[in-house]
Amino acid sequence: MELKDVDLNLLVVFDNLLRQGTVSGAAKTLNLSQPAVSNALARLRTLFGDPLFVRSSKGMLPTPLAEELAEPVAYALESLQTALSHKVSFDPLRSVRAFRIAMTDIGEVHFIPPLMGALGDRAPGVTVTTVRNTAVDLAAEMSQGKIDLAVGHLPELGTTFFQRRLFRQRYVCLFRPGHAMDKKTVSMRDFEAAEHIVVTAAGTGHARVDEILAQHGVQRKIRLRVPHFVALADIIATTDLVATVTLTFAERCARYFGLRYVKHPFALPEIQINLFWHARYHRDPANQWLRDQFVGLFSD
């Protein structure tokens, strides 16, 4: 016998006949007519090739096969009912969930310290792993639940993803104190006369900056290209190189490295930083909770 051949309603009738011991009792419990229960019993007998219940002065007595089936059928029905009735929830104070979030290294600088500080109080057992969005097939990994959220400038994530804007960022020029550009305003002539460091980080919106400057004929003396932001502040602090970076990153560099920044002389468009999640997990309580943390901590 295959499971696909079994009508689940028949097993419900079987379980109630065992519990009630009479057709009338089972009918009352199930809110069915007695003929309907009798018909279901007839189908069960045909299905199992066994009487299952025999009449006696004490009601319907189960046959040995019915007694053998009683426990596994009751367990299966109870498990199914529990699953159907259970509302999935997420308790951050008790959870040991391991979240994976896709972001860039500059994203780690901005998001991770405040996020981990908040999780220490709100979800002490939760852990976080960051993933580079260029190191994986991001859309596929998120659709399979292997990555919970992605944050950044990610126009490649399509219609199967929800997104929420966190904030917009303008660009500034970053340099060491005492640099020739260390003044209230800088001109395009100042900008083009300086020597530059460029971050060629894949999967960020910063590559677009280079394209825009090139399209408008802005000439830069690029002395150094690096693939990430991790050493940028150290390099700028010890050289005369200038970097075009977001205001948030520049503010952090000024705070921790003593660097200076000034409004960019070229009218670069602002970059929008969004939070992304796959449609499959839109109503997942754990995913919703983590999204709420990002919105609460970082949304403007």
C-alpha atoms as a PDB file:
ATOM      1  CA  MET A   1       0.000   0.000   0.000  1.00  0.00           C
ATOM      2  CA  GLU A   2       1.289   3.461  -0.961  1.00  0.00           C
ATOM      3  CA  LEU A   3       0.642   6.558   1.148  1.00  0.00           C
ATOM      4  CA  LYS A   4      -0.736   8.352  -1.912  1.00  0.00           C
ATOM      5  CA  ASP A   5      -3.542   5.757  -2.023  1.00  0.00           C
ATOM      6  CA  VAL A   6      -4.714   6.528   1.525  1.00  0.00           C
ATOM      7  CA  ASP A   7      -7.367   9.170   2.226  1.00  0.00           C
ATOM      8  CA  LEU A   8      -6.209  11.020   5.341  1.00  0.00           C
ATOM      9  CA  ASN A   9      -9.840  11.473   6.433  1.00  0.00           C
ATOM     10  CA  LEU A  10     -10.177   7.704   6.712  1.00  0.00           C
ATOM     11  CA  LEU A  11      -7.318   7.617   9.217  1.00  0.00           C
ATOM     12  CA  VAL A  12      -9.038  10.331  11.245  1.00  0.00           C
ATOM     13  CA  VAL A  13     -12.181   8.162  11.356  1.00  0.00           C
ATOM     14  CA  PHE A  14     -10.087   5.124  12.307  1.00  0.00           C
ATOM     15  CA  ASP A  15      -8.448   7.010  15.179  1.00  0.00           C
ATOM     16  CA  ASN A  16     -11.802   8.246  16.497  1.00  0.00           C
ATOM     17  CA  LEU A  17     -13.363   4.769  16.296  1.00  0.00           C
ATOM     18  CA  LEU A  18     -10.524   3.531  18.456  1.00  0.00           C
ATOM     19  CA  ARG A  19     -11.045   6.340  20.969  1.00  0.00           C
ATOM     20  CA  GLN A  20     -14.869   6.263  21.090  1.00  0.00           C
ATOM     21  CA  GLY A  21     -15.515   2.545  20.591  1.00  0.00           C
ATOM     22  CA  THR A  22     -18.780   3.167  18.716  1.00  0.00           C
ATOM     23  CA  VAL A  23     -19.832   4.439  15.318  1.00  0.00           C
ATOM     24  CA  SER A  24     -22.265   6.881  16.946  1.00  0.00           C
ATOM     25  CA  GLY A  25     -19.568   8.213  19.305  1.00  0.00           C
ATOM     26  CA  ALA A  26     -17.106   8.729  16.452  1.00  0.00           C
ATOM     27  CA  ALA A  27     -19.807  10.396  14.350  1.00  0.00           C
ATOM     28  CA  LYS A  28     -20.628  12.831  17.143  1.00  0.00           C
ATOM     29  CA  THR A  29     -16.983  13.724  17.755  1.00  0.00           C
ATOM     30  CA  LEU A  30     -16.317  14.291  14.055  1.00  0.00           C
ATOM     31  CA  ASN A  31     -19.620  16.078  13.469  1.00  0.00           C
ATOM     32  CA  LEU A  32     -20.546  13.502  10.815  1.00  0.00           C
ATOM     33  CA  SER A  33     -23.605  11.327  10.284  1.00  0.00           C
ATOM     34  CA  GLN A  34     -23.498   7.687  11.392  1.00  0.00           C
ATOM     35  CA  PRO A  35     -23.888   6.466   7.763  1.00  0.00           C
ATOM     36  CA  ALA A  36     -20.861   8.597   6.790  1.00  0.00           C
ATOM     37  CA  VAL A  37     -18.744   6.964   9.505  1.00  0.00           C
ATOM     38  CA  SER A  38     -20.040   3.500   8.560  1.00  0.00           C
ATOM     39  CA  ASN A  39     -19.137   4.196   4.925  1.00  0.00           C
ATOM     40  CA  ALA A  40     -15.640   5.301   5.960  1.00  0.00           C
ATOM     41  CA  LEU A  41     -15.233   2.108   8.001  1.00  0.00           C
ATOM     42  CA  ALA A  42     -16.238   0.032   5.000  1.00  0.00           C
ATOM     43  CA  ARG A  43     -13.574   1.784   2.904  1.00  0.00           C
ATOM     44  CA  LEU A  44     -10.982   1.204   5.630  1.00  0.00           C
ATOM     45  CA  ARG A  45     -11.805  -2.510   5.710  1.00  0.00           C
ATOM     46  CA  THR A  46     -11.362  -2.722   1.952  1.00  0.00           C
ATOM     47  CA  LEU A  47      -8.130  -0.735   2.096  1.00  0.00           C
ATOM     48  CA  PHE A  48      -6.532  -2.903   4.786  1.00  0.00           C
ATOM     49  CA  GLY A  49      -8.205  -6.193   3.905  1.00  0.00           C
ATOM     50  CA  ASP A  50      -9.243  -6.609   7.533  1.00  0.00           C
ATOM     51  CA  PRO A  51     -12.456  -6.037   9.567  1.00  0.00           C
ATOM     52  CA  LEU A  52     -10.485  -3.677  11.873  1.00  0.00           C
ATOM     53  CA  PHE A  53     -13.457  -3.496  14.311  1.00  0.00           C
ATOM     54  CA  VAL A  54     -15.990  -6.169  15.326  1.00  0.00           C
ATOM     55  CA  ARG A  55     -19.253  -5.559  17.155  1.00  0.00           C
ATOM     56  CA  SER A  56     -19.645  -6.757  20.728  1.00  0.00           C
ATOM     57  CA  SER A  57     -21.743  -5.996  23.778  1.00  0.00           C
ATOM     58  CA  LYS A  58     -19.006  -3.557  24.783  1.00  0.00           C
ATOM     59  CA  GLY A  59     -19.019  -1.693  21.485  1.00  0.00           C
ATOM     60  CA  MET A  60     -16.587  -1.921  18.538  1.00  0.00           C
ATOM     61  CA  LEU A  61     -13.573  -3.992  19.481  1.00  0.00           C
ATOM     62  CA  PRO A  62     -10.341  -3.537  17.456  1.00  0.00           C
ATOM     63  CA  THR A  63      -8.803  -6.502  15.687  1.00  0.00           C
ATOM     64  CA  PRO A  64      -5.118  -7.314  16.198  1.00  0.00           C
ATOM     65  CA  LEU A  65      -4.265  -5.340  13.017  1.00  0.00           C
ATOM     66  CA  ALA A  66      -6.204  -2.333  14.280  1.00  0.00           C
ATOM     67  CA  GLU A  67      -4.365  -2.509  17.603  1.00  0.00           C
ATOM     68  CA  GLU A  68      -1.063  -2.659  15.716  1.00  0.00           C
ATOM     69  CA  LEU A  69      -2.001   0.409  13.661  1.00  0.00           C
ATOM     70  CA  ALA A  70      -3.368   2.382  16.615  1.00  0.00           C
ATOM     71  CA  GLU A  71      -0.171   3.902  17.964  1.00  0.00           C
ATOM     72  CA  PRO A  72       1.560   4.883  14.681  1.00  0.00           C
ATOM     73  CA  VAL A  73      -1.663   6.345  13.234  1.00  0.00           C
ATOM     74  CA  ALA A  74      -2.352   8.354  16.412  1.00  0.00           C
ATOM     75  CA  TYR A  75       1.240   9.613  16.491  1.00  0.00           C
ATOM     76  CA  ALA A  76       1.179  10.594  12.814  1.00  0.00           C
ATOM     77  CA  LEU A  77      -2.123  12.458  13.147  1.00  0.00           C
ATOM     78  CA  GLU A  78      -0.970  14.254  16.287  1.00  0.00           C
ATOM     79  CA  SER A  79       2.293  15.301  14.636  1.00  0.00           C
ATOM     80  CA  LEU A  80       0.454  16.584  11.589  1.00  0.00           C
ATOM     81  CA  GLN A  81      -2.056  18.498  13.716  1.00  0.00           C
ATOM     82  CA  THR A  82       0.776  20.059  15.708  1.00  0.00           C
ATOM     83  CA  ALA A  83       2.531  21.130  12.526  1.00  0.00           C
ATOM     84  CA  LEU A  84      -0.636  22.637  11.079  1.00  0.00           C
ATOM     85  CA  SER A  85      -1.534  24.434  14.297  1.00  0.00           C
ATOM     86  CA  HIS A  86       1.935  25.644  15.137  1.00  0.00           C
ATOM     87  CA  LYS A  87       2.666  29.278  14.371  1.00  0.00           C
ATOM     88  CA  VAL A  88       6.341  29.643  13.608  1.00  0.00           C
ATOM     89  CA  SER A  89       7.916  32.208  15.885  1.00  0.00           C
ATOM     90  CA  PHE A  90      11.351  33.595  16.623  1.00  0.00           C
ATOM     91  CA  ASP A  91      12.539  34.354  20.146  1.00  0.00           C
ATOM     92  CA  PRO A  92      15.796  36.323  19.828  1.00  0.00           C
ATOM     93  CA  LEU A  93      16.646  35.987  23.521  1.00  0.00           C
ATOM     94  CA  ARG A  94      16.654  32.174  23.265  1.00  0.00           C
ATOM     95  CA  SER A  95      17.676  31.688  19.642  1.00  0.00           C
ATOM     96  CA  VAL A  96      21.049  30.279  18.586  1.00  0.00           C
ATOM     97  CA  ARG A  97      20.343  31.065  14.937  1.00  0.00           C
ATOM     98  CA  ALA A  98      23.359  31.617  12.668  1.00  0.00           C
ATOM     99  CA  PHE A  99      22.602  34.405  10.180  1.00  0.00           C
ATOM    100  CA  ARG A 100      24.569  35.006   6.982  1.00  0.00           C
ATOM    101  CA  ILE A 101      24.598  38.508   5.512  1.00  0.00           C
ATOM    102  CA  ALA A 102      26.142  39.552   2.194  1.00  0.00           C
ATOM    103  CA  MET A 103      28.014  42.856   2.235  1.00  0.00           C
ATOM    104  CA  THR A 104      31.265  44.501   1.180  1.00  0.00           C
ATOM    105  CA  ASP A 105      34.216  45.247   3.430  1.00  0.00           C
ATOM    106  CA  ILE A 106      33.146  48.882   3.676  1.00  0.00           C
ATOM    107  CA  GLY A 107      29.729  47.544   4.625  1.00  0.00           C
ATOM    108  CA  GLU A 108      31.334  45.614   7.474  1.00  0.00           C
ATOM    109  CA  VAL A 109      32.955  48.812   8.725  1.00  0.00           C
ATOM    110  CA  HIS A 110      29.619  50.633   8.772  1.00  0.00           C
ATOM    111  CA  PHE A 111      27.125  47.947   9.763  1.00  0.00           C
ATOM    112  CA  ILE A 112      28.818  45.281  11.847  1.00  0.00           C
ATOM    113  CA  PRO A 113      29.961  47.207  14.977  1.00  0.00           C
ATOM    114  CA  PRO A 114      26.492  48.689  15.736  1.00  0.00           C
ATOM    115  CA  LEU A 115      24.735  45.456  14.751  1.00  0.00           C
ATOM    116  CA  MET A 116      26.843  43.239  17.000  1.00  0.00           C
ATOM    117  CA  GLY A 117      26.482  45.716  19.842  1.00  0.00           C
ATOM    118  CA  ALA A 118      22.704  45.528  19.527  1.00  0.00           C
ATOM    119  CA  LEU A 119      22.665  41.731  19.241  1.00  0.00           C
ATOM    120  CA  GLY A 120      24.680  41.416  22.428  1.00  0.00           C
ATOM    121  CA  ASP A 121      21.676  42.733  24.336  1.00  0.00           C
ATOM    122  CA  ARG A 122      18.786  41.582  22.159  1.00  0.00           C
ATOM    123  CA  ALA A 123      19.962  38.169  20.918  1.00  0.00           C
ATOM    124  CA  PRO A 124      22.979  36.911  22.913  1.00  0.00           C
ATOM    125  CA  GLY A 125      22.947  33.455  21.316  1.00  0.00           C
ATOM    126  CA  VAL A 126      22.673  34.622  17.713  1.00  0.00           C
ATOM    127  CA  THR A 127      25.769  34.545  15.493  1.00  0.00           C
ATOM    128  CA  VAL A 128      26.518  36.378  12.248  1.00  0.00           C
ATOM    129  CA  THR A 129      28.698  35.488   9.265  1.00  0.00           C
ATOM    130  CA  THR A 130      29.399  38.038   6.548  1.00  0.00           C
ATOM    131  CA  VAL A 131      29.736  36.951   2.938  1.00  0.00           C
ATOM    132  CA  ARG A 132      31.119  38.858  -0.040  1.00  0.00           C
ATOM    133  CA  ASN A 133      28.335  39.265  -2.573  1.00  0.00           C
ATOM    134  CA  THR A 134      30.809  38.704  -5.414  1.00  0.00           C
ATOM    135  CA  ALA A 135      32.173  35.473  -3.940  1.00  0.00           C
ATOM    136  CA  VAL A 136      28.908  33.555  -4.400  1.00  0.00           C
ATOM    137  CA  ASP A 137      25.921  33.333  -6.725  1.00  0.00           C
ATOM    138  CA  LEU A 138      24.073  35.808  -4.545  1.00  0.00           C
ATOM    139  CA  ALA A 139      20.598  35.440  -6.050  1.00  0.00           C
ATOM    140  CA  ALA A 140      20.745  31.636  -5.892  1.00  0.00           C
ATOM    141  CA  GLU A 141      22.155  31.531  -2.361  1.00  0.00           C
ATOM    142  CA  MET A 142      19.457  33.877  -1.086  1.00  0.00           C
ATOM    143  CA  SER A 143      16.664  31.983  -2.840  1.00  0.00           C
ATOM    144  CA  GLN A 144      17.868  28.783  -1.130  1.00  0.00           C
ATOM    145  CA  GLY A 145      18.037  30.431   2.292  1.00  0.00           C
ATOM    146  CA  LYS A 146      21.814  30.093   2.494  1.00  0.00           C
ATOM    147  CA  ILE A 147      22.154  33.864   2.796  1.00  0.00           C
ATOM    148  CA  ASP A 148      19.523  35.688   4.838  1.00  0.00           C
ATOM    149  CA  LEU A 149      20.041  39.303   3.794  1.00  0.00           C
ATOM    150  CA  ALA A 150      22.156  41.393   1.465  1.00  0.00           C
ATOM    151  CA  VAL A 151      22.944  45.033   2.035  1.00  0.00           C
ATOM    152  CA  GLY A 152      24.470  47.552  -0.329  1.00  0.00           C
ATOM    153  CA  HIS A 153      24.065  48.853  -3.856  1.00  0.00           C
ATOM    154  CA  LEU A 154      22.887  45.703  -5.672  1.00  0.00           C
ATOM    155  CA  PRO A 155      20.890  46.541  -8.815  1.00  0.00           C
ATOM    156  CA  GLU A 156      21.434  43.000 -10.128  1.00  0.00           C
ATOM    157  CA  LEU A 157      18.967  41.530  -7.626  1.00  0.00           C
ATOM    158  CA  GLY A 158      15.715  41.302  -9.555  1.00  0.00           C
ATOM    159  CA  THR A 159      11.978  41.002  -9.138  1.00  0.00           C
ATOM    160  CA  THR A 160      12.027  37.994  -6.794  1.00  0.00           C
ATOM    161  CA  PHE A 161      13.617  40.184  -4.116  1.00  0.00           C
ATOM    162  CA  PHE A 162      12.139  42.694  -1.738  1.00  0.00           C
ATOM    163  CA  GLN A 163      14.195  45.737  -0.847  1.00  0.00           C
ATOM    164  CA  ARG A 164      14.094  48.554   1.675  1.00  0.00           C
ATOM    165  CA  ARG A 165      16.091  51.752   1.388  1.00  0.00           C
ATOM    166  CA  LEU A 166      18.300  52.353   4.398  1.00  0.00           C
ATOM    167  CA  PHE A 167      20.002  55.627   3.457  1.00  0.00           C
ATOM    168  CA  ARG A 168      21.635  57.643   0.699  1.00  0.00           C
ATOM    169  CA  GLN A 169      25.269  58.695   0.675  1.00  0.00           C
ATOM    170  CA  ARG A 170      27.096  61.546  -0.996  1.00  0.00           C
ATOM    171  CA  TYR A 171      30.750  61.421  -1.995  1.00  0.00           C
ATOM    172  CA  VAL A 172      33.608  63.451  -0.552  1.00  0.00           C
ATOM    173  CA  CYS A 173      37.364  63.712  -1.024  1.00  0.00           C
ATOM    174  CA  LEU A 174      39.444  62.099   1.737  1.00  0.00           C
ATOM    175  CA  PHE A 175      43.083  63.013   2.485  1.00  0.00           C
ATOM    176  CA  ARG A 176      45.631  63.488   5.268  1.00  0.00           C
ATOM    177  CA  PRO A 177      45.829  66.654   7.421  1.00  0.00           C
ATOM    178  CA  GLY A 178      47.997  69.337   5.832  1.00  0.00           C
ATOM    179  CA  HIS A 179      47.342  68.116   2.302  1.00  0.00           C
ATOM    180  CA  ALA A 180      47.083  70.778  -0.433  1.00  0.00           C
ATOM    181  CA  MET A 181      43.342  70.021  -0.557  1.00  0.00           C
ATOM    182  CA  ASP A 182      42.949  70.559   3.196  1.00  0.00           C
ATOM    183  CA  LYS A 183      40.772  73.673   2.939  1.00  0.00           C
ATOM    184  CA  LYS A 184      37.096  74.607   3.058  1.00  0.00           C
ATOM    185  CA  THR A 185      36.416  74.037  -0.626  1.00  0.00           C
ATOM    186  CA  VAL A 186      38.387  72.481  -3.456  1.00  0.00           C
ATOM    187  CA  SER A 187      38.104  73.159  -7.159  1.00  0.00           C
ATOM    188  CA  MET A 188      38.197  70.766 -10.074  1.00  0.00           C
ATOM    189  CA  ARG A 189      41.699  72.087 -10.751  1.00  0.00           C
ATOM    190  CA  ASP A 190      42.739  71.061  -7.222  1.00  0.00           C
ATOM    191  CA  PHE A 191      41.126  67.662  -7.708  1.00  0.00           C
ATOM    192  CA  GLU A 192      42.822  66.982 -11.041  1.00  0.00           C
ATOM    193  CA  ALA A 193      46.192  68.195  -9.764  1.00  0.00           C
ATOM    194  CA  ALA A 194      46.174  65.732  -6.868  1.00  0.00           C
ATOM    195  CA  GLU A 195      47.389  62.131  -6.952  1.00  0.00           C
ATOM    196  CA  HIS A 196      44.649  59.592  -6.332  1.00  0.00           C
ATOM    197  CA  ILE A 197      44.063  56.172  -4.858  1.00  0.00           C
ATOM    198  CA  VAL A 198      41.117  54.250  -6.336  1.00  0.00           C
ATOM    199  CA  VAL A 199      39.313  51.305  -4.752  1.00  0.00           C
ATOM    200  CA  THR A 200      38.243  48.823  -7.414  1.00  0.00           C
ATOM    201  CA  ALA A 201      35.994  46.789  -5.120  1.00  0.00           C
ATOM    202  CA  ALA A 202      33.680  44.605  -7.183  1.00  0.00           C
ATOM    203  CA  GLY A 203      30.029  44.545  -6.207  1.00  0.00           C
ATOM    204  CA  THR A 204      29.950  48.124  -4.926  1.00  0.00           C
ATOM    205  CA  GLY A 205      28.586  51.337  -6.364  1.00  0.00           C
ATOM    206  CA  HIS A 206      32.040  52.912  -6.387  1.00  0.00           C
ATOM    207  CA  ALA A 207      32.928  51.587  -9.822  1.00  0.00           C
ATOM    208  CA  ARG A 208      30.099  53.768 -11.103  1.00  0.00           C
ATOM    209  CA  VAL A 209      31.949  56.821  -9.748  1.00  0.00           C
ATOM    210  CA  ASP A 210      34.925  56.079 -11.974  1.00  0.00           C
ATOM    211  CA  GLU A 211      32.636  55.697 -14.980  1.00  0.00           C
ATOM    212  CA  ILE A 212      30.894  59.023 -14.334  1.00  0.00           C
ATOM    213  CA  LEU A 213      34.139  60.927 -13.885  1.00  0.00           C
ATOM    214  CA  ALA A 214      35.547  59.405 -17.068  1.00  0.00           C
ATOM    215  CA  GLN A 215      32.379  60.191 -19.039  1.00  0.00           C
ATOM    216  CA  HIS A 216      32.659  63.856 -18.066  1.00  0.00           C
ATOM    217  CA  GLY A 217      36.303  64.057 -18.995  1.00  0.00           C
ATOM    218  CA  VAL A 218      37.586  64.476 -15.454  1.00  0.00           C
ATOM    219  CA  GLN A 219      41.300  63.757 -15.411  1.00  0.00           C
ATOM    220  CA  ARG A 220      42.770  62.007 -12.377  1.00  0.00           C
ATOM    221  CA  LYS A 221      46.355  61.070 -11.708  1.00  0.00           C
ATOM    222  CA  ILE A 222      45.767  57.579 -10.352  1.00  0.00           C
ATOM    223  CA  ARG A 223      48.886  56.404  -8.561  1.00  0.00           C
ATOM    224  CA  LEU A 224      47.437  53.407  -6.759  1.00  0.00           C
ATOM    225  CA  ARG A 225      44.543  50.977  -7.200  1.00  0.00           C
ATOM    226  CA  VAL A 226      43.515  48.605  -4.403  1.00  0.00           C
ATOM    227  CA  PRO A 227      40.782  45.925  -4.401  1.00  0.00           C
ATOM    228  CA  HIS A 228      39.228  46.798  -1.029  1.00  0.00           C
ATOM    229  CA  PHE A 229      38.866  49.467   1.625  1.00  0.00           C
ATOM    230  CA  VAL A 230      40.565  47.718   4.513  1.00  0.00           C
ATOM    231  CA  ALA A 231      43.931  49.530   4.208  1.00  0.00           C
ATOM    232  CA  LEU A 232      42.676  52.757   2.640  1.00  0.00           C
ATOM    233  CA  ALA A 233      42.843  54.933   5.760  1.00  0.00           C
ATOM    234  CA  ASP A 234      46.359  53.741   6.628  1.00  0.00           C
ATOM    235  CA  ILE A 235      47.584  54.474   3.112  1.00  0.00           C
ATOM    236  CA  ILE A 236      46.033  57.939   2.953  1.00  0.00           C
ATOM    237  CA  ALA A 237      47.372  58.835   6.424  1.00  0.00           C
ATOM    238  CA  THR A 238      50.960  58.219   5.285  1.00  0.00           C
ATOM    239  CA  THR A 239      50.864  59.535   1.689  1.00  0.00           C
ATOM    240  CA  ASP A 240      49.640  62.499  -0.363  1.00  0.00           C
ATOM    241  CA  LEU A 241      47.023  60.346  -2.087  1.00  0.00           C
ATOM    242  CA  VAL A 242      43.379  61.425  -2.260  1.00  0.00           C
ATOM    243  CA  ALA A 243      40.388  59.073  -2.328  1.00  0.00           C
ATOM    244  CA  THR A 244      36.790  59.586  -3.401  1.00  0.00           C
ATOM    245  CA  VAL A 245      34.684  57.867  -0.737  1.00  0.00           C
ATOM    246  CA  THR A 246      31.251  58.067   0.880  1.00  0.00           C
ATOM    247  CA  LEU A 247      30.640  60.579   3.642  1.00  0.00           C
ATOM    248  CA  THR A 248      29.995  57.873   6.253  1.00  0.00           C
ATOM    249  CA  PHE A 249      33.324  56.194   5.564  1.00  0.00           C
ATOM    250  CA  ALA A 250      35.115  59.551   5.583  1.00  0.00           C
ATOM    251  CA  GLU A 251      33.571  60.460   8.940  1.00  0.00           C
ATOM    252  CA  ARG A 252      34.834  57.224  10.447  1.00  0.00           C
ATOM    253  CA  CYS A 253      38.324  57.795   9.017  1.00  0.00           C
ATOM    254  CA  ALA A 254      38.346  61.296  10.468  1.00  0.00           C
ATOM    255  CA  ARG A 255      37.280  59.982  13.876  1.00  0.00           C
ATOM    256  CA  TYR A 256      39.692  57.065  14.151  1.00  0.00           C
ATOM    257  CA  PHE A 257      42.608  58.088  11.894  1.00  0.00           C
ATOM    258  CA  GLY A 258      42.547  61.878  12.107  1.00  0.00           C
ATOM    259  CA  LEU A 259      41.991  62.261   8.370  1.00  0.00           C
ATOM    260  CA  ARG A 260      40.246  65.187   6.693  1.00  0.00           C
ATOM    261  CA  TYR A 261      37.561  65.354   4.045  1.00  0.00           C
ATOM    262  CA  VAL A 262      35.851  67.992   1.956  1.00  0.00           C
ATOM    263  CA  LYS A 263      32.856  68.242  -0.342  1.00  0.00           C
ATOM    264  CA  HIS A 264      33.603  66.724  -3.726  1.00  0.00           C
ATOM    265  CA  PRO A 265      34.153  69.345  -6.437  1.00  0.00           C
ATOM    266  CA  PHE A 266      32.284  67.247  -8.991  1.00  0.00           C
ATOM    267  CA  ALA A 267      28.506  66.818  -8.629  1.00  0.00           C
ATOM    268  CA  LEU A 268      28.494  63.063  -8.242  1.00  0.00           C
ATOM    269  CA  PRO A 269      25.086  61.394  -7.782  1.00  0.00           C
ATOM    270  CA  GLU A 270      24.348  60.028  -4.342  1.00  0.00           C
ATOM    271  CA  ILE A 271      24.557  56.272  -3.843  1.00  0.00           C
ATOM    272  CA  GLN A 272      21.559  54.470  -2.340  1.00  0.00           C
ATOM    273  CA  ILE A 273      22.152  51.671   0.153  1.00  0.00           C
ATOM    274  CA  ASN A 274      19.347  49.118   0.317  1.00  0.00           C
ATOM    275  CA  LEU A 275      18.499  46.028   2.331  1.00  0.00           C
ATOM    276  CA  PHE A 276      17.508  42.998   0.218  1.00  0.00           C
ATOM    277  CA  TRP A 277      15.761  39.717   1.022  1.00  0.00           C
ATOM    278  CA  HIS A 278      14.243  36.967  -1.101  1.00  0.00           C
ATOM    279  CA  ALA A 279      10.472  36.769  -1.518  1.00  0.00           C
ATOM    280  CA  ARG A 280      10.455  33.215  -0.096  1.00  0.00           C
ATOM    281  CA  TYR A 281      11.502  34.565   3.304  1.00  0.00           C
ATOM    282  CA  HIS A 282       9.386  37.719   3.345  1.00  0.00           C
ATOM    283  CA  ARG A 283       7.179  36.347   6.157  1.00  0.00           C
ATOM    284  CA  ASP A 284       9.826  34.280   7.924  1.00  0.00           C
ATOM    285  CA  PRO A 285       9.869  35.537  11.557  1.00  0.00           C
ATOM    286  CA  ALA A 286      13.645  35.255  11.966  1.00  0.00           C
ATOM    287  CA  ASN A 287      14.284  37.084   8.702  1.00  0.00           C
ATOM    288  CA  GLN A 288      11.717  39.736   9.630  1.00  0.00           C
ATOM    289  CA  TRP A 289      13.376  40.245  13.003  1.00  0.00           C
ATOM    290  CA  LEU A 290      16.836  40.698  11.483  1.00  0.00           C
ATOM    291  CA  ARG A 291      15.448  43.143   8.916  1.00  0.00           C
ATOM    292  CA  ASP A 292      13.869  45.131  11.732  1.00  0.00           C
ATOM    293  CA  GLN A 293      17.270  45.394  13.423  1.00  0.00           C
ATOM    294  CA  PHE A 294      18.824  46.866  10.281  1.00  0.00           C
ATOM    295  CA  VAL A 295      15.977  49.310   9.764  1.00  0.00           C
ATOM    296  CA  GLY A 296      16.019  50.395  13.390  1.00  0.00           C
ATOM    297  CA  LEU A 297      19.788  50.846  13.487  1.00  0.00           C
ATOM    298  CA  PHE A 298      20.564  52.253  10.058  1.00  0.00           C
ATOM    299  CA  SER A 299      17.511  53.617   8.270  1.00  0.00           C
ATOM    300  CA  ASP A 300      17.285  57.356   7.748  1.00  0.00           C
END
